[in-house]
Amino acid sequence: MSNYRIRPGDTLSGLAARFGTSVQKLARDNNISNPDLIFSGRTLRIGHSGRDSFDAGGGRQGVRGGSGVGGGADVGGPMGVAPTGGTEKGRRLAEAARAAAMGMGGYNSQGLCATGVSRAIRNSMGIGVSGNGNQIDNNLPRDKFRQVDMSLEEALKIPGLVLTWESTSTRLGSIYGHTAVTLGDGHSSASDFIERNTTNNGRTGFKVFMPIE
């Protein structure tokens, strides 16, 4: 078992993917009760715990408010699982989106969804994309992203897809729309915050874009 000093921007899921272990094992080995909350400067023990790596992780997180662009209540559910499946670019984008969201609003919307998505795309792919939630779809470079015909339910199972909505039910969302990146766990997406129960409720003009390998 080795030690690792947590750096700003690190996430437990990102560290688990980097060191070839799981979030559950890292949390268990380091007595972390909330896998979504780690602190820079602390030391993590990295290694195998001796227990089955498929042991169930932490429970639901409860409801935390989410307002502003994107809106929607954060209804909990397991988090912190490193993306699996999808493409390599998609997995990198999903990790960058999770890191951007945790560095901005965490689990509460700041009304800056396009900023979070743009930051994730820049950090993972090295390209700049401008515009608000209902403009970013037109500004994604077509040599880097392609639009795909896919339901939200299907998209949420694949890490690193860019979701856009023309309009949402919130005041700002009705003007600026919403955008987010799928995390690949079947229910979560990340922008300026992590929305753990992403739905089309109150949202219109849904589109999906996939990074091109």
N, C-alpha and C. Protein backbone atom coordinates (compact mmCIF):
# COMPACT_ATOMS: atom_id res chain seq x y z
N MET A 1 0.85 -1.19 0.00
CA MET A 1 0.00 0.00 0.00
C MET A 1 0.88 1.24 0.00
N SER A 2 0.57 2.21 -0.88
CA SER A 2 1.36 3.44 -0.98
C SER A 2 0.53 4.63 -0.52
N ASN A 3 1.20 5.76 -0.36
CA ASN A 3 0.53 6.98 0.07
C ASN A 3 0.51 8.00 -1.06
N TYR A 4 -0.55 8.80 -1.10
CA TYR A 4 -0.68 9.86 -2.10
C TYR A 4 -1.23 11.11 -1.41
N ARG A 5 -0.57 12.25 -1.66
CA ARG A 5 -1.06 13.51 -1.08
C ARG A 5 -2.06 14.13 -2.05
N ILE A 6 -3.26 14.40 -1.56
CA ILE A 6 -4.34 14.93 -2.39
C ILE A 6 -3.99 16.35 -2.85
N ARG A 7 -4.19 16.58 -4.14
CA ARG A 7 -3.93 17.90 -4.73
C ARG A 7 -5.24 18.60 -5.06
N PRO A 8 -5.21 19.95 -5.17
CA PRO A 8 -6.44 20.66 -5.56
C PRO A 8 -6.95 20.15 -6.90
N GLY A 9 -8.24 19.91 -6.98
CA GLY A 9 -8.85 19.41 -8.21
C GLY A 9 -8.98 17.90 -8.26
N ASP A 10 -8.29 17.19 -7.36
CA ASP A 10 -8.42 15.73 -7.32
C ASP A 10 -9.83 15.32 -6.92
N THR A 11 -10.30 14.22 -7.47
CA THR A 11 -11.53 13.59 -7.03
C THR A 11 -11.23 12.13 -6.72
N LEU A 12 -12.01 11.55 -5.85
CA LEU A 12 -11.78 10.15 -5.49
C LEU A 12 -11.96 9.25 -6.71
N SER A 13 -12.92 9.59 -7.57
CA SER A 13 -13.13 8.77 -8.76
C SER A 13 -11.94 8.88 -9.72
N GLY A 14 -11.41 10.09 -9.86
CA GLY A 14 -10.26 10.27 -10.73
C GLY A 14 -9.04 9.54 -10.21
N LEU A 15 -8.83 9.57 -8.89
CA LEU A 15 -7.70 8.87 -8.29
C LEU A 15 -7.88 7.36 -8.39
N ALA A 16 -9.11 6.90 -8.23
CA ALA A 16 -9.36 5.46 -8.36
C ALA A 16 -9.03 4.99 -9.77
N ALA A 17 -9.43 5.78 -10.77
CA ALA A 17 -9.13 5.41 -12.16
C ALA A 17 -7.63 5.44 -12.41
N ARG A 18 -6.95 6.45 -11.85
CA ARG A 18 -5.51 6.59 -12.07
C ARG A 18 -4.72 5.44 -11.47
N PHE A 19 -5.13 4.99 -10.28
CA PHE A 19 -4.35 3.98 -9.58
C PHE A 19 -4.93 2.56 -9.74
N GLY A 20 -5.94 2.41 -10.60
CA GLY A 20 -6.47 1.09 -10.89
C GLY A 20 -7.18 0.44 -9.73
N THR A 21 -7.88 1.26 -8.94
CA THR A 21 -8.64 0.71 -7.82
C THR A 21 -10.07 1.22 -7.92
N SER A 22 -10.85 1.16 -6.87
CA SER A 22 -12.22 1.63 -6.91
C SER A 22 -12.45 2.71 -5.86
N VAL A 23 -13.48 3.51 -6.09
CA VAL A 23 -13.85 4.54 -5.12
C VAL A 23 -14.20 3.90 -3.78
N GLN A 24 -14.92 2.77 -3.84
CA GLN A 24 -15.35 2.11 -2.61
C GLN A 24 -14.15 1.69 -1.76
N LYS A 25 -13.12 1.11 -2.44
CA LYS A 25 -11.95 0.67 -1.70
C LYS A 25 -11.17 1.84 -1.12
N LEU A 26 -11.02 2.91 -1.90
CA LEU A 26 -10.31 4.09 -1.40
C LEU A 26 -11.04 4.67 -0.19
N ALA A 27 -12.37 4.77 -0.30
CA ALA A 27 -13.14 5.33 0.82
C ALA A 27 -13.03 4.44 2.05
N ARG A 28 -13.12 3.13 1.84
CA ARG A 28 -13.06 2.20 2.96
C ARG A 28 -11.68 2.21 3.62
N ASP A 29 -10.62 2.17 2.79
CA ASP A 29 -9.26 2.12 3.33
C ASP A 29 -8.87 3.39 4.06
N ASN A 30 -9.54 4.50 3.72
CA ASN A 30 -9.16 5.78 4.32
C ASN A 30 -10.24 6.35 5.23
N ASN A 31 -11.23 5.51 5.58
CA ASN A 31 -12.31 5.92 6.48
C ASN A 31 -13.00 7.20 6.01
N ILE A 32 -13.28 7.26 4.70
CA ILE A 32 -13.96 8.42 4.12
C ILE A 32 -15.45 8.12 4.07
N SER A 33 -16.23 8.87 4.81
CA SER A 33 -17.67 8.60 4.87
C SER A 33 -18.41 9.16 3.67
N ASN A 34 -17.90 10.27 3.09
CA ASN A 34 -18.53 10.88 1.92
C ASN A 34 -17.52 10.88 0.77
N PRO A 35 -17.63 9.94 -0.18
CA PRO A 35 -16.66 9.84 -1.27
C PRO A 35 -16.61 11.08 -2.15
N ASP A 36 -17.63 11.94 -2.08
CA ASP A 36 -17.66 13.14 -2.91
C ASP A 36 -16.93 14.31 -2.26
N LEU A 37 -16.36 14.08 -1.06
CA LEU A 37 -15.72 15.19 -0.34
C LEU A 37 -14.36 14.74 0.16
N ILE A 38 -13.30 15.22 -0.50
CA ILE A 38 -11.93 14.98 -0.04
C ILE A 38 -11.21 16.32 0.01
N PHE A 39 -10.13 16.40 0.77
CA PHE A 39 -9.48 17.67 1.03
C PHE A 39 -8.04 17.64 0.55
N SER A 40 -7.63 18.68 -0.18
CA SER A 40 -6.25 18.77 -0.65
C SER A 40 -5.31 18.87 0.55
N GLY A 41 -4.15 18.26 0.41
CA GLY A 41 -3.17 18.26 1.50
C GLY A 41 -3.24 17.03 2.37
N ARG A 42 -4.40 16.36 2.39
CA ARG A 42 -4.52 15.12 3.15
C ARG A 42 -3.82 13.99 2.40
N THR A 43 -3.46 12.94 3.14
CA THR A 43 -2.78 11.80 2.54
C THR A 43 -3.74 10.62 2.42
N LEU A 44 -3.77 10.03 1.23
CA LEU A 44 -4.59 8.84 0.99
C LEU A 44 -3.70 7.60 0.96
N ARG A 45 -4.20 6.53 1.54
CA ARG A 45 -3.53 5.24 1.39
C ARG A 45 -4.11 4.57 0.14
N ILE A 46 -3.25 4.14 -0.76
CA ILE A 46 -3.67 3.54 -2.01
C ILE A 46 -3.27 2.07 -2.01
N GLY A 47 -4.22 1.19 -2.23
CA GLY A 47 -3.90 -0.22 -2.27
C GLY A 47 -5.16 -1.06 -2.18
N HIS A 48 -5.00 -2.35 -2.12
CA HIS A 48 -6.13 -3.26 -2.03
C HIS A 48 -6.55 -3.42 -0.58
N SER A 49 -7.84 -3.45 -0.36
CA SER A 49 -8.35 -3.48 1.01
C SER A 49 -8.48 -4.90 1.56
N GLY A 50 -8.44 -5.90 0.68
CA GLY A 50 -8.62 -7.27 1.14
C GLY A 50 -10.07 -7.69 1.16
N ARG A 51 -10.99 -6.72 1.02
CA ARG A 51 -12.41 -7.06 0.91
C ARG A 51 -12.81 -7.06 -0.55
N ASP A 52 -13.91 -7.65 -0.83
CA ASP A 52 -14.38 -7.77 -2.20
C ASP A 52 -14.52 -6.37 -2.81
N SER A 53 -13.93 -6.17 -3.98
CA SER A 53 -13.98 -4.86 -4.61
C SER A 53 -15.37 -4.49 -5.09
N PHE A 54 -16.30 -5.45 -5.07
CA PHE A 54 -17.66 -5.15 -5.50
C PHE A 54 -18.59 -4.91 -4.32
N ASP A 55 -18.03 -4.73 -3.12
CA ASP A 55 -18.86 -4.37 -1.98
C ASP A 55 -19.61 -3.08 -2.30
N ALA A 56 -20.80 -2.96 -1.79
CA ALA A 56 -21.60 -1.77 -2.05
C ALA A 56 -20.94 -0.55 -1.45
N GLY A 57 -21.02 0.55 -2.16
CA GLY A 57 -20.47 1.81 -1.67
C GLY A 57 -21.45 2.52 -0.76
N GLY A 58 -21.24 3.83 -0.61
CA GLY A 58 -22.07 4.62 0.29
C GLY A 58 -23.50 4.72 -0.16
N GLY A 59 -24.34 5.17 0.72
CA GLY A 59 -25.77 5.26 0.43
C GLY A 59 -26.13 6.55 -0.25
N ARG A 60 -27.41 6.81 -0.32
CA ARG A 60 -27.89 8.02 -0.96
C ARG A 60 -27.51 9.24 -0.16
N GLN A 61 -27.37 10.33 -0.88
CA GLN A 61 -26.87 11.55 -0.26
C GLN A 61 -27.97 12.49 0.20
N GLY A 62 -29.21 12.20 -0.17
CA GLY A 62 -30.29 13.08 0.24
C GLY A 62 -30.50 14.20 -0.76
N VAL A 63 -31.38 15.11 -0.43
CA VAL A 63 -31.73 16.18 -1.35
C VAL A 63 -30.90 17.40 -1.03
N ARG A 64 -30.28 17.93 -2.06
CA ARG A 64 -29.59 19.20 -1.92
C ARG A 64 -30.13 20.10 -3.01
N GLY A 65 -30.36 21.35 -2.68
CA GLY A 65 -31.03 22.24 -3.61
C GLY A 65 -30.23 22.48 -4.86
N GLY A 66 -30.93 22.71 -5.96
CA GLY A 66 -30.29 23.11 -7.21
C GLY A 66 -31.17 24.10 -7.91
N SER A 67 -30.68 25.31 -8.10
CA SER A 67 -31.49 26.33 -8.75
C SER A 67 -30.66 26.99 -9.81
N GLY A 68 -31.27 27.92 -10.54
CA GLY A 68 -30.55 28.60 -11.59
C GLY A 68 -30.66 27.80 -12.88
N VAL A 69 -29.73 28.06 -13.82
CA VAL A 69 -29.78 27.39 -15.11
C VAL A 69 -29.66 25.90 -14.89
N GLY A 70 -30.54 25.15 -15.45
CA GLY A 70 -30.54 23.70 -15.26
C GLY A 70 -31.49 23.30 -14.16
N GLY A 71 -31.46 24.04 -13.05
CA GLY A 71 -32.38 23.80 -11.96
C GLY A 71 -32.44 22.36 -11.53
N GLY A 72 -33.56 21.98 -10.95
CA GLY A 72 -33.77 20.58 -10.60
C GLY A 72 -33.21 20.23 -9.27
N ALA A 73 -33.90 19.40 -8.54
CA ALA A 73 -33.44 18.96 -7.23
C ALA A 73 -32.39 17.88 -7.38
N ASP A 74 -31.44 17.89 -6.49
CA ASP A 74 -30.42 16.85 -6.43
C ASP A 74 -30.98 15.76 -5.53
N VAL A 75 -31.38 14.67 -6.12
CA VAL A 75 -32.11 13.66 -5.35
C VAL A 75 -31.23 12.53 -4.86
N GLY A 76 -29.93 12.68 -4.97
CA GLY A 76 -29.04 11.69 -4.39
C GLY A 76 -28.78 10.52 -5.31
N GLY A 77 -28.16 9.50 -4.74
CA GLY A 77 -27.78 8.33 -5.50
C GLY A 77 -26.28 8.16 -5.43
N PRO A 78 -25.78 6.98 -5.78
CA PRO A 78 -24.35 6.72 -5.68
C PRO A 78 -23.57 7.61 -6.62
N MET A 79 -22.45 8.11 -6.15
CA MET A 79 -21.61 8.99 -6.96
C MET A 79 -20.17 8.57 -6.81
N GLY A 80 -19.32 9.16 -7.62
CA GLY A 80 -17.89 8.97 -7.48
C GLY A 80 -17.37 7.77 -8.23
N VAL A 81 -18.20 7.05 -8.97
CA VAL A 81 -17.74 5.89 -9.71
C VAL A 81 -17.06 6.36 -10.99
N ALA A 82 -15.85 5.90 -11.22
CA ALA A 82 -15.13 6.30 -12.42
C ALA A 82 -15.87 5.83 -13.66
N PRO A 83 -15.93 6.66 -14.70
CA PRO A 83 -16.66 6.28 -15.90
C PRO A 83 -16.11 5.01 -16.53
N THR A 84 -17.00 4.16 -16.99
CA THR A 84 -16.60 2.97 -17.72
C THR A 84 -17.35 2.97 -19.04
N GLY A 85 -16.86 2.24 -20.02
CA GLY A 85 -17.50 2.23 -21.32
C GLY A 85 -17.24 3.53 -22.05
N GLY A 86 -17.87 3.68 -23.22
CA GLY A 86 -17.68 4.87 -24.00
C GLY A 86 -16.29 4.89 -24.64
N THR A 87 -15.89 6.06 -25.12
CA THR A 87 -14.59 6.23 -25.77
C THR A 87 -13.58 6.81 -24.80
N GLU A 88 -12.32 6.75 -25.17
CA GLU A 88 -11.28 7.33 -24.31
C GLU A 88 -11.47 8.83 -24.17
N LYS A 89 -11.78 9.52 -25.27
CA LYS A 89 -12.04 10.97 -25.20
C LYS A 89 -13.24 11.26 -24.31
N GLY A 90 -14.26 10.41 -24.43
CA GLY A 90 -15.45 10.60 -23.61
C GLY A 90 -15.15 10.43 -22.13
N ARG A 91 -14.37 9.43 -21.79
CA ARG A 91 -14.03 9.21 -20.38
C ARG A 91 -13.21 10.38 -19.83
N ARG A 92 -12.29 10.89 -20.63
CA ARG A 92 -11.50 12.04 -20.19
C ARG A 92 -12.38 13.27 -20.00
N LEU A 93 -13.32 13.47 -20.92
CA LEU A 93 -14.23 14.61 -20.82
C LEU A 93 -15.12 14.49 -19.59
N ALA A 94 -15.59 13.27 -19.30
CA ALA A 94 -16.43 13.06 -18.13
C ALA A 94 -15.66 13.38 -16.85
N GLU A 95 -14.42 12.94 -16.75
CA GLU A 95 -13.61 13.23 -15.56
C GLU A 95 -13.35 14.72 -15.44
N ALA A 96 -13.06 15.38 -16.56
CA ALA A 96 -12.82 16.82 -16.53
C ALA A 96 -14.09 17.57 -16.13
N ALA A 97 -15.24 17.08 -16.59
CA ALA A 97 -16.52 17.72 -16.23
C ALA A 97 -16.80 17.56 -14.75
N ARG A 98 -16.54 16.37 -14.22
CA ARG A 98 -16.74 16.16 -12.78
C ARG A 98 -15.84 17.10 -11.97
N ALA A 99 -14.57 17.22 -12.38
CA ALA A 99 -13.63 18.08 -11.66
C ALA A 99 -14.06 19.54 -11.75
N ALA A 100 -14.51 19.98 -12.94
CA ALA A 100 -14.95 21.36 -13.10
C ALA A 100 -16.16 21.65 -12.22
N ALA A 101 -17.12 20.72 -12.20
CA ALA A 101 -18.33 20.92 -11.40
C ALA A 101 -18.00 20.99 -9.91
N MET A 102 -17.14 20.11 -9.44
CA MET A 102 -16.79 20.12 -8.02
C MET A 102 -16.00 21.36 -7.65
N GLY A 103 -15.29 21.94 -8.63
CA GLY A 103 -14.54 23.17 -8.37
C GLY A 103 -15.40 24.41 -8.47
N MET A 104 -16.63 24.28 -8.95
CA MET A 104 -17.52 25.43 -9.09
C MET A 104 -18.66 25.36 -8.08
N GLY A 105 -19.72 24.64 -8.41
CA GLY A 105 -20.89 24.63 -7.52
C GLY A 105 -21.03 23.39 -6.67
N GLY A 106 -20.23 22.35 -6.95
CA GLY A 106 -20.39 21.11 -6.20
C GLY A 106 -21.69 20.43 -6.58
N TYR A 107 -22.68 20.52 -5.69
CA TYR A 107 -23.99 19.92 -5.95
C TYR A 107 -25.09 20.97 -6.04
N ASN A 108 -24.70 22.24 -6.19
CA ASN A 108 -25.67 23.31 -6.30
C ASN A 108 -25.36 24.16 -7.52
N SER A 109 -26.36 24.37 -8.37
CA SER A 109 -26.17 25.14 -9.58
C SER A 109 -25.77 26.58 -9.25
N GLN A 110 -24.82 27.09 -10.02
CA GLN A 110 -24.41 28.48 -9.90
C GLN A 110 -24.95 29.32 -11.07
N GLY A 111 -25.73 28.69 -11.96
CA GLY A 111 -26.23 29.40 -13.13
C GLY A 111 -25.16 29.60 -14.18
N LEU A 112 -24.11 28.78 -14.16
CA LEU A 112 -22.98 28.93 -15.09
C LEU A 112 -22.70 27.60 -15.80
N CYS A 113 -23.76 26.94 -16.26
CA CYS A 113 -23.59 25.60 -16.83
C CYS A 113 -22.65 25.59 -18.03
N ALA A 114 -22.78 26.57 -18.93
CA ALA A 114 -21.93 26.59 -20.12
C ALA A 114 -20.47 26.83 -19.75
N THR A 115 -20.24 27.60 -18.70
CA THR A 115 -18.86 27.83 -18.25
C THR A 115 -18.24 26.52 -17.78
N GLY A 116 -19.00 25.72 -17.02
CA GLY A 116 -18.49 24.44 -16.55
C GLY A 116 -18.20 23.49 -17.69
N VAL A 117 -19.12 23.41 -18.66
CA VAL A 117 -18.93 22.51 -19.80
C VAL A 117 -17.75 22.97 -20.65
N SER A 118 -17.67 24.28 -20.90
CA SER A 118 -16.55 24.82 -21.69
C SER A 118 -15.22 24.54 -21.02
N ARG A 119 -15.19 24.69 -19.70
CA ARG A 119 -13.95 24.42 -18.95
C ARG A 119 -13.55 22.95 -19.07
N ALA A 120 -14.53 22.06 -18.99
CA ALA A 120 -14.25 20.63 -19.11
C ALA A 120 -13.71 20.28 -20.50
N ILE A 121 -14.32 20.86 -21.54
CA ILE A 121 -13.87 20.60 -22.91
C ILE A 121 -12.45 21.13 -23.11
N ARG A 122 -12.19 22.31 -22.60
CA ARG A 122 -10.85 22.89 -22.74
C ARG A 122 -9.81 22.05 -22.00
N ASN A 123 -10.14 21.63 -20.77
CA ASN A 123 -9.17 20.89 -19.97
C ASN A 123 -8.90 19.49 -20.50
N SER A 124 -9.91 18.87 -21.14
CA SER A 124 -9.72 17.49 -21.60
C SER A 124 -9.33 17.40 -23.08
N MET A 125 -9.74 18.41 -23.89
CA MET A 125 -9.51 18.32 -25.33
C MET A 125 -8.67 19.46 -25.87
N GLY A 126 -8.43 20.48 -25.04
CA GLY A 126 -7.58 21.59 -25.46
C GLY A 126 -8.22 22.54 -26.45
N ILE A 127 -9.55 22.58 -26.51
CA ILE A 127 -10.23 23.48 -27.43
C ILE A 127 -11.20 24.37 -26.66
N GLY A 128 -11.37 25.59 -27.14
CA GLY A 128 -12.29 26.52 -26.50
C GLY A 128 -13.64 26.53 -27.20
N VAL A 129 -14.70 26.50 -26.40
CA VAL A 129 -16.06 26.56 -26.94
C VAL A 129 -16.81 27.63 -26.16
N SER A 130 -17.39 28.59 -26.88
CA SER A 130 -18.08 29.69 -26.23
C SER A 130 -19.59 29.53 -26.36
N GLY A 131 -20.31 30.45 -25.74
CA GLY A 131 -21.76 30.46 -25.83
C GLY A 131 -22.43 29.99 -24.56
N ASN A 132 -23.73 30.31 -24.43
CA ASN A 132 -24.47 29.86 -23.26
C ASN A 132 -25.08 28.49 -23.53
N GLY A 133 -25.97 28.06 -22.63
CA GLY A 133 -26.50 26.70 -22.71
C GLY A 133 -27.20 26.36 -24.02
N ASN A 134 -27.91 27.32 -24.60
CA ASN A 134 -28.60 27.01 -25.85
C ASN A 134 -27.84 27.49 -27.08
N GLN A 135 -26.60 27.95 -26.90
CA GLN A 135 -25.75 28.32 -28.04
C GLN A 135 -24.59 27.36 -28.24
N ILE A 136 -24.19 26.68 -27.18
CA ILE A 136 -22.97 25.89 -27.22
C ILE A 136 -23.06 24.76 -28.24
N ASP A 137 -24.29 24.26 -28.51
CA ASP A 137 -24.42 23.19 -29.51
C ASP A 137 -24.00 23.66 -30.89
N ASN A 138 -24.26 24.92 -31.21
CA ASN A 138 -23.87 25.46 -32.52
C ASN A 138 -22.38 25.79 -32.58
N ASN A 139 -21.73 25.88 -31.42
CA ASN A 139 -20.33 26.28 -31.38
C ASN A 139 -19.37 25.12 -31.17
N LEU A 140 -19.90 23.91 -30.95
CA LEU A 140 -19.03 22.76 -30.85
C LEU A 140 -18.40 22.49 -32.22
N PRO A 141 -17.07 22.42 -32.31
CA PRO A 141 -16.44 22.18 -33.62
C PRO A 141 -16.86 20.82 -34.19
N ARG A 142 -17.33 20.82 -35.42
CA ARG A 142 -17.89 19.60 -36.01
C ARG A 142 -16.81 18.58 -36.37
N ASP A 143 -15.54 18.98 -36.34
CA ASP A 143 -14.49 17.98 -36.53
C ASP A 143 -14.10 17.33 -35.21
N LYS A 144 -14.69 17.81 -34.10
CA LYS A 144 -14.41 17.26 -32.78
C LYS A 144 -15.63 16.58 -32.15
N PHE A 145 -16.82 17.01 -32.57
CA PHE A 145 -18.06 16.46 -32.02
C PHE A 145 -19.04 16.18 -33.15
N ARG A 146 -19.84 15.12 -32.98
CA ARG A 146 -20.91 14.85 -33.92
C ARG A 146 -22.21 14.68 -33.15
N GLN A 147 -23.29 15.20 -33.71
CA GLN A 147 -24.60 15.05 -33.07
C GLN A 147 -25.08 13.62 -33.27
N VAL A 148 -25.64 13.04 -32.22
CA VAL A 148 -26.15 11.67 -32.30
C VAL A 148 -27.62 11.65 -31.88
N ASP A 149 -28.37 10.74 -32.49
CA ASP A 149 -29.79 10.59 -32.19
C ASP A 149 -29.92 9.56 -31.07
N MET A 150 -30.16 10.04 -29.87
CA MET A 150 -30.13 9.18 -28.70
C MET A 150 -31.05 9.76 -27.63
N SER A 151 -31.72 8.90 -26.89
CA SER A 151 -32.56 9.37 -25.79
C SER A 151 -31.68 9.78 -24.62
N LEU A 152 -32.24 10.58 -23.73
CA LEU A 152 -31.51 10.98 -22.54
C LEU A 152 -31.13 9.76 -21.71
N GLU A 153 -32.05 8.81 -21.60
CA GLU A 153 -31.79 7.60 -20.82
C GLU A 153 -30.58 6.85 -21.37
N GLU A 154 -30.48 6.75 -22.68
CA GLU A 154 -29.34 6.07 -23.30
C GLU A 154 -28.07 6.88 -23.12
N ALA A 155 -28.17 8.20 -23.31
CA ALA A 155 -26.98 9.06 -23.23
C ALA A 155 -26.34 9.04 -21.85
N LEU A 156 -27.16 8.99 -20.81
CA LEU A 156 -26.63 9.05 -19.45
C LEU A 156 -25.81 7.82 -19.08
N LYS A 157 -25.90 6.76 -19.86
CA LYS A 157 -25.13 5.55 -19.61
C LYS A 157 -23.73 5.63 -20.21
N ILE A 158 -23.47 6.65 -21.02
CA ILE A 158 -22.19 6.78 -21.73
C ILE A 158 -21.44 8.00 -21.21
N PRO A 159 -20.20 7.86 -20.76
CA PRO A 159 -19.47 9.02 -20.25
C PRO A 159 -19.00 9.96 -21.35
N GLY A 160 -19.07 11.26 -21.07
CA GLY A 160 -18.47 12.25 -21.94
C GLY A 160 -19.29 12.70 -23.12
N LEU A 161 -20.61 12.57 -23.08
CA LEU A 161 -21.47 13.14 -24.10
C LEU A 161 -21.90 14.54 -23.65
N VAL A 162 -21.97 15.46 -24.59
CA VAL A 162 -22.42 16.81 -24.28
C VAL A 162 -23.92 16.89 -24.54
N LEU A 163 -24.66 17.25 -23.50
CA LEU A 163 -26.11 17.41 -23.60
C LEU A 163 -26.45 18.89 -23.67
N THR A 164 -27.42 19.24 -24.50
CA THR A 164 -27.88 20.63 -24.53
C THR A 164 -29.41 20.66 -24.57
N TRP A 165 -29.98 21.67 -23.94
CA TRP A 165 -31.42 21.94 -24.00
C TRP A 165 -31.61 23.40 -24.39
N GLU A 166 -32.55 23.66 -25.25
CA GLU A 166 -32.81 25.03 -25.68
C GLU A 166 -33.42 25.86 -24.56
N SER A 167 -34.21 25.21 -23.71
CA SER A 167 -34.91 25.95 -22.66
C SER A 167 -35.19 25.03 -21.48
N THR A 168 -35.20 25.62 -20.28
CA THR A 168 -35.60 24.89 -19.08
C THR A 168 -36.68 25.68 -18.35
N SER A 169 -37.18 25.11 -17.26
CA SER A 169 -38.32 25.72 -16.56
C SER A 169 -37.93 26.86 -15.64
N THR A 170 -36.64 27.07 -15.40
CA THR A 170 -36.23 28.17 -14.53
C THR A 170 -36.22 29.48 -15.31
N ARG A 171 -36.16 30.60 -14.60
CA ARG A 171 -36.18 31.90 -15.27
C ARG A 171 -34.98 32.06 -16.19
N LEU A 172 -33.78 31.80 -15.66
CA LEU A 172 -32.58 31.92 -16.50
C LEU A 172 -32.53 30.83 -17.57
N GLY A 173 -32.99 29.63 -17.19
CA GLY A 173 -32.99 28.54 -18.14
C GLY A 173 -33.91 28.77 -19.32
N SER A 174 -34.99 29.54 -19.10
CA SER A 174 -35.90 29.83 -20.20
C SER A 174 -35.25 30.76 -21.23
N ILE A 175 -34.21 31.48 -20.78
CA ILE A 175 -33.50 32.41 -21.67
C ILE A 175 -32.26 31.76 -22.26
N TYR A 176 -31.50 31.10 -21.39
CA TYR A 176 -30.17 30.62 -21.79
C TYR A 176 -30.08 29.12 -22.01
N GLY A 177 -31.11 28.37 -21.69
CA GLY A 177 -31.06 26.93 -21.85
C GLY A 177 -30.16 26.27 -20.83
N HIS A 178 -29.72 25.06 -21.13
CA HIS A 178 -28.86 24.31 -20.20
C HIS A 178 -27.97 23.38 -20.99
N THR A 179 -26.79 23.11 -20.47
CA THR A 179 -25.87 22.15 -21.06
C THR A 179 -25.14 21.41 -19.95
N ALA A 180 -24.73 20.18 -20.23
CA ALA A 180 -24.03 19.37 -19.24
C ALA A 180 -23.31 18.24 -19.96
N VAL A 181 -22.42 17.57 -19.23
CA VAL A 181 -21.68 16.43 -19.75
C VAL A 181 -22.09 15.19 -18.96
N THR A 182 -22.37 14.10 -19.66
CA THR A 182 -22.77 12.87 -18.98
C THR A 182 -21.59 12.26 -18.24
N LEU A 183 -21.88 11.63 -17.09
CA LEU A 183 -20.84 10.98 -16.30
C LEU A 183 -20.83 9.47 -16.48
N GLY A 184 -21.80 8.93 -17.21
CA GLY A 184 -21.77 7.53 -17.58
C GLY A 184 -22.34 6.57 -16.55
N ASP A 185 -22.99 7.08 -15.50
CA ASP A 185 -23.52 6.20 -14.46
C ASP A 185 -25.02 5.94 -14.62
N GLY A 186 -25.60 6.46 -15.69
CA GLY A 186 -27.01 6.22 -15.95
C GLY A 186 -27.95 7.27 -15.42
N HIS A 187 -27.44 8.26 -14.68
CA HIS A 187 -28.36 9.27 -14.14
C HIS A 187 -27.73 10.64 -13.91
N SER A 188 -26.40 10.75 -13.90
CA SER A 188 -25.76 12.01 -13.51
C SER A 188 -25.16 12.76 -14.69
N SER A 189 -25.08 14.08 -14.54
CA SER A 189 -24.38 14.92 -15.50
C SER A 189 -23.69 16.04 -14.74
N ALA A 190 -22.72 16.67 -15.38
CA ALA A 190 -21.93 17.71 -14.72
C ALA A 190 -21.81 18.92 -15.62
N SER A 191 -21.93 20.08 -15.00
CA SER A 191 -21.71 21.35 -15.70
C SER A 191 -20.98 22.26 -14.72
N ASP A 192 -21.68 23.25 -14.16
CA ASP A 192 -21.11 24.02 -13.05
C ASP A 192 -21.45 23.36 -11.72
N PHE A 193 -22.20 22.27 -11.78
CA PHE A 193 -22.55 21.47 -10.61
C PHE A 193 -22.86 20.06 -11.08
N ILE A 194 -22.91 19.13 -10.16
CA ILE A 194 -23.27 17.75 -10.50
C ILE A 194 -24.75 17.56 -10.22
N GLU A 195 -25.46 17.21 -11.26
CA GLU A 195 -26.90 16.96 -11.14
C GLU A 195 -27.08 15.44 -11.15
N ARG A 196 -27.42 14.89 -10.00
CA ARG A 196 -27.42 13.44 -9.85
C ARG A 196 -28.69 12.76 -10.35
N ASN A 197 -29.66 13.53 -10.79
CA ASN A 197 -30.86 12.95 -11.37
C ASN A 197 -31.25 13.80 -12.57
N THR A 198 -30.54 13.63 -13.66
CA THR A 198 -30.75 14.46 -14.85
C THR A 198 -31.97 13.97 -15.61
N THR A 199 -32.92 14.85 -15.82
CA THR A 199 -34.15 14.49 -16.53
C THR A 199 -34.47 15.54 -17.57
N ASN A 200 -35.45 15.22 -18.42
CA ASN A 200 -35.97 16.18 -19.39
C ASN A 200 -37.13 16.98 -18.83
N ASN A 201 -37.50 16.75 -17.58
CA ASN A 201 -38.65 17.43 -16.99
C ASN A 201 -38.47 18.95 -17.04
N GLY A 202 -39.41 19.62 -17.68
CA GLY A 202 -39.37 21.08 -17.76
C GLY A 202 -38.34 21.59 -18.74
N ARG A 203 -37.75 20.71 -19.55
CA ARG A 203 -36.70 21.10 -20.49
C ARG A 203 -37.12 20.72 -21.91
N THR A 204 -36.77 21.56 -22.86
CA THR A 204 -37.14 21.31 -24.26
C THR A 204 -35.93 21.52 -25.16
N GLY A 205 -36.04 21.01 -26.39
CA GLY A 205 -34.97 21.19 -27.37
C GLY A 205 -33.73 20.40 -27.04
N PHE A 206 -33.88 19.11 -26.69
CA PHE A 206 -32.78 18.26 -26.25
C PHE A 206 -31.93 17.79 -27.42
N LYS A 207 -30.58 17.86 -27.26
CA LYS A 207 -29.65 17.37 -28.26
C LYS A 207 -28.48 16.67 -27.56
N VAL A 208 -27.84 15.75 -28.28
CA VAL A 208 -26.70 15.01 -27.75
C VAL A 208 -25.55 15.07 -28.72
N PHE A 209 -24.34 15.33 -28.20
CA PHE A 209 -23.15 15.41 -29.04
C PHE A 209 -22.07 14.50 -28.47
N MET A 210 -21.42 13.75 -29.36
CA MET A 210 -20.39 12.78 -28.95
C MET A 210 -19.02 13.21 -29.47
N PRO A 211 -17.98 13.14 -28.61
CA PRO A 211 -16.63 13.45 -29.10
C PRO A 211 -16.24 12.47 -30.19
N ILE A 212 -15.54 12.96 -31.22
CA ILE A 212 -15.07 12.11 -32.30
C ILE A 212 -13.65 11.65 -31.96
N GLU A 213 -13.45 10.32 -32.05
CA GLU A 213 -12.12 9.76 -31.74
C GLU A 213 -11.14 10.10 -32.85
